[in-house]
Amino acid sequence: MAPTPVGILAVGNLEYRLPRELLRAEVELIRALGVEFICITCVGRDIALAVIRAKHKGTTIAVGAK
């Protein structure tokens, strides 16, 4: 599991092809819009889906499979 919301984009691409600063800027832009990222979490083990849905207006779960 990658400790970043962009996952494989950050760990699977070379820096010169996809600059990390660009990725960080994009993530911060999305955060500024009010999105909360929760990384390295197993839904059902670390937190219940019902808890996530109760706390947030909308939820997207990304599997993170490489």
N, C-alpha and C. Protein backbone atom coordinates (compact mmCIF):
# COMPACT_ATOMS: atom_id res chain seq x y z
N MET A 1 0.83 -1.18 0.00
CA MET A 1 0.00 0.00 0.00
C MET A 1 0.88 1.25 0.00
N ALA A 2 0.47 2.21 -0.75
CA ALA A 2 1.21 3.46 -0.83
C ALA A 2 0.62 4.48 0.14
N PRO A 3 1.47 5.20 0.86
CA PRO A 3 0.98 6.17 1.83
C PRO A 3 0.61 7.52 1.19
N THR A 4 0.13 7.48 -0.01
CA THR A 4 -0.20 8.71 -0.72
C THR A 4 -1.50 8.52 -1.51
N PRO A 5 -2.31 9.55 -1.63
CA PRO A 5 -3.56 9.42 -2.36
C PRO A 5 -3.39 9.14 -3.86
N VAL A 6 -2.21 9.39 -4.41
CA VAL A 6 -2.01 9.16 -5.84
C VAL A 6 -1.43 7.79 -6.12
N GLY A 7 -1.12 7.04 -5.09
CA GLY A 7 -0.69 5.66 -5.20
C GLY A 7 0.37 5.38 -6.24
N ILE A 8 0.02 4.55 -7.21
CA ILE A 8 0.96 4.08 -8.21
C ILE A 8 1.51 5.21 -9.08
N LEU A 9 0.78 6.31 -9.20
CA LEU A 9 1.31 7.45 -9.94
C LEU A 9 2.60 7.96 -9.31
N ALA A 10 2.67 7.89 -7.98
CA ALA A 10 3.86 8.38 -7.27
C ALA A 10 4.96 7.34 -7.20
N VAL A 11 4.60 6.09 -7.00
CA VAL A 11 5.63 5.08 -6.80
C VAL A 11 5.97 4.29 -8.06
N GLY A 12 5.15 4.39 -9.09
CA GLY A 12 5.37 3.60 -10.29
C GLY A 12 5.88 4.38 -11.49
N ASN A 13 6.00 5.69 -11.36
CA ASN A 13 6.50 6.52 -12.45
C ASN A 13 7.80 7.19 -12.06
N LEU A 14 8.64 7.39 -13.03
CA LEU A 14 9.90 8.08 -12.77
C LEU A 14 9.66 9.56 -12.55
N GLU A 15 10.46 10.15 -11.69
CA GLU A 15 10.31 11.57 -11.31
C GLU A 15 10.32 12.49 -12.52
N TYR A 16 11.18 12.23 -13.50
CA TYR A 16 11.27 13.14 -14.64
C TYR A 16 10.05 13.03 -15.56
N ARG A 17 9.33 11.93 -15.48
CA ARG A 17 8.12 11.78 -16.29
C ARG A 17 6.89 12.38 -15.62
N LEU A 18 6.85 12.29 -14.31
CA LEU A 18 5.73 12.83 -13.55
C LEU A 18 6.30 13.43 -12.26
N PRO A 19 6.62 14.71 -12.29
CA PRO A 19 7.27 15.35 -11.14
C PRO A 19 6.43 15.23 -9.87
N ARG A 20 7.09 14.87 -8.78
CA ARG A 20 6.40 14.69 -7.49
C ARG A 20 5.76 16.00 -7.03
N GLU A 21 6.41 17.12 -7.32
CA GLU A 21 5.86 18.41 -6.92
C GLU A 21 4.52 18.67 -7.61
N LEU A 22 4.38 18.26 -8.85
CA LEU A 22 3.11 18.39 -9.56
C LEU A 22 2.03 17.54 -8.89
N LEU A 23 2.38 16.31 -8.53
CA LEU A 23 1.44 15.44 -7.83
C LEU A 23 1.01 16.05 -6.50
N ARG A 24 1.99 16.55 -5.73
CA ARG A 24 1.67 17.18 -4.44
C ARG A 24 0.74 18.38 -4.63
N ALA A 25 1.01 19.19 -5.65
CA ALA A 25 0.18 20.37 -5.92
C ALA A 25 -1.25 19.96 -6.27
N GLU A 26 -1.40 18.93 -7.07
CA GLU A 26 -2.73 18.45 -7.46
C GLU A 26 -3.50 17.92 -6.24
N VAL A 27 -2.82 17.17 -5.39
CA VAL A 27 -3.46 16.64 -4.19
C VAL A 27 -3.88 17.79 -3.28
N GLU A 28 -3.03 18.77 -3.11
CA GLU A 28 -3.36 19.91 -2.26
C GLU A 28 -4.53 20.72 -2.82
N LEU A 29 -4.61 20.82 -4.12
CA LEU A 29 -5.74 21.51 -4.75
C LEU A 29 -7.05 20.77 -4.44
N ILE A 30 -7.01 19.46 -4.54
CA ILE A 30 -8.20 18.66 -4.25
C ILE A 30 -8.56 18.76 -2.77
N ARG A 31 -7.54 18.74 -1.90
CA ARG A 31 -7.79 18.92 -0.45
C ARG A 31 -8.43 20.27 -0.17
N ALA A 32 -7.96 21.30 -0.86
CA ALA A 32 -8.50 22.65 -0.66
C ALA A 32 -9.98 22.72 -1.03
N LEU A 33 -10.43 21.82 -1.87
CA LEU A 33 -11.85 21.76 -2.24
C LEU A 33 -12.69 21.04 -1.17
N GLY A 34 -12.02 20.50 -0.16
CA GLY A 34 -12.73 19.86 0.95
C GLY A 34 -12.68 18.35 0.97
N VAL A 35 -11.87 17.75 0.10
CA VAL A 35 -11.78 16.29 0.05
C VAL A 35 -10.82 15.82 1.14
N GLU A 36 -11.21 14.77 1.85
CA GLU A 36 -10.35 14.16 2.85
C GLU A 36 -9.86 12.82 2.32
N PHE A 37 -8.55 12.62 2.33
CA PHE A 37 -7.96 11.36 1.89
C PHE A 37 -7.61 10.53 3.12
N ILE A 38 -7.96 9.27 3.10
CA ILE A 38 -7.59 8.35 4.17
C ILE A 38 -6.83 7.22 3.50
N CYS A 39 -5.53 7.15 3.75
CA CYS A 39 -4.67 6.16 3.10
C CYS A 39 -4.31 5.03 4.06
N ILE A 40 -3.91 3.92 3.47
CA ILE A 40 -3.46 2.73 4.20
C ILE A 40 -4.49 2.34 5.27
N THR A 41 -5.71 2.14 4.84
CA THR A 41 -6.79 1.77 5.74
C THR A 41 -7.58 0.63 5.12
N CYS A 42 -7.83 -0.37 5.90
CA CYS A 42 -8.61 -1.51 5.43
C CYS A 42 -10.05 -1.34 5.91
N VAL A 43 -10.95 -1.08 4.96
CA VAL A 43 -12.36 -0.91 5.31
C VAL A 43 -12.91 -2.27 5.76
N GLY A 44 -13.53 -2.27 6.91
CA GLY A 44 -14.03 -3.51 7.50
C GLY A 44 -13.14 -4.01 8.61
N ARG A 45 -11.86 -3.71 8.54
CA ARG A 45 -10.93 -4.10 9.61
C ARG A 45 -10.55 -2.87 10.44
N ASP A 46 -10.05 -1.83 9.78
CA ASP A 46 -9.62 -0.62 10.48
C ASP A 46 -10.77 0.34 10.77
N ILE A 47 -11.74 0.35 9.91
CA ILE A 47 -12.91 1.22 10.07
C ILE A 47 -14.08 0.59 9.32
N ALA A 48 -15.24 0.73 9.88
CA ALA A 48 -16.44 0.16 9.24
C ALA A 48 -16.94 1.09 8.14
N LEU A 49 -17.44 0.51 7.07
CA LEU A 49 -17.99 1.31 5.98
C LEU A 49 -19.13 2.19 6.49
N ALA A 50 -19.92 1.69 7.39
CA ALA A 50 -21.04 2.47 7.94
C ALA A 50 -20.54 3.73 8.65
N VAL A 51 -19.41 3.65 9.31
CA VAL A 51 -18.82 4.81 9.99
C VAL A 51 -18.38 5.84 8.97
N ILE A 52 -17.73 5.38 7.91
CA ILE A 52 -17.28 6.29 6.86
C ILE A 52 -18.48 6.98 6.22
N ARG A 53 -19.50 6.23 5.88
CA ARG A 53 -20.68 6.80 5.22
C ARG A 53 -21.44 7.76 6.13
N ALA A 54 -21.43 7.51 7.43
CA ALA A 54 -22.11 8.39 8.37
C ALA A 54 -21.38 9.73 8.54
N LYS A 55 -20.05 9.70 8.40
CA LYS A 55 -19.25 10.90 8.61
C LYS A 55 -19.14 11.80 7.39
N HIS A 56 -19.40 11.28 6.21
CA HIS A 56 -19.13 12.03 4.97
C HIS A 56 -20.35 12.06 4.05
N LYS A 57 -20.42 13.11 3.26
CA LYS A 57 -21.52 13.25 2.29
C LYS A 57 -21.36 12.25 1.13
N GLY A 58 -20.15 12.01 0.74
CA GLY A 58 -19.88 11.09 -0.37
C GLY A 58 -18.61 10.33 -0.09
N THR A 59 -18.50 9.15 -0.65
CA THR A 59 -17.35 8.29 -0.40
C THR A 59 -16.93 7.59 -1.68
N THR A 60 -15.64 7.59 -1.91
CA THR A 60 -15.06 6.80 -3.00
C THR A 60 -14.02 5.89 -2.38
N ILE A 61 -14.12 4.62 -2.64
CA ILE A 61 -13.15 3.67 -2.12
C ILE A 61 -12.33 3.17 -3.30
N ALA A 62 -11.02 3.41 -3.23
CA ALA A 62 -10.10 2.94 -4.26
C ALA A 62 -9.35 1.73 -3.74
N VAL A 63 -9.40 0.67 -4.47
CA VAL A 63 -8.83 -0.59 -4.03
C VAL A 63 -7.32 -0.52 -3.85
N GLY A 64 -6.63 0.12 -4.76
CA GLY A 64 -5.19 0.24 -4.63
C GLY A 64 -4.42 -0.96 -5.16
N ALA A 65 -5.05 -1.80 -5.96
CA ALA A 65 -4.37 -2.94 -6.54
C ALA A 65 -3.43 -2.48 -7.64
N LYS A 66 -2.23 -2.98 -7.64
CA LYS A 66 -1.24 -2.57 -8.64
C LYS A 66 -1.35 -3.41 -9.88
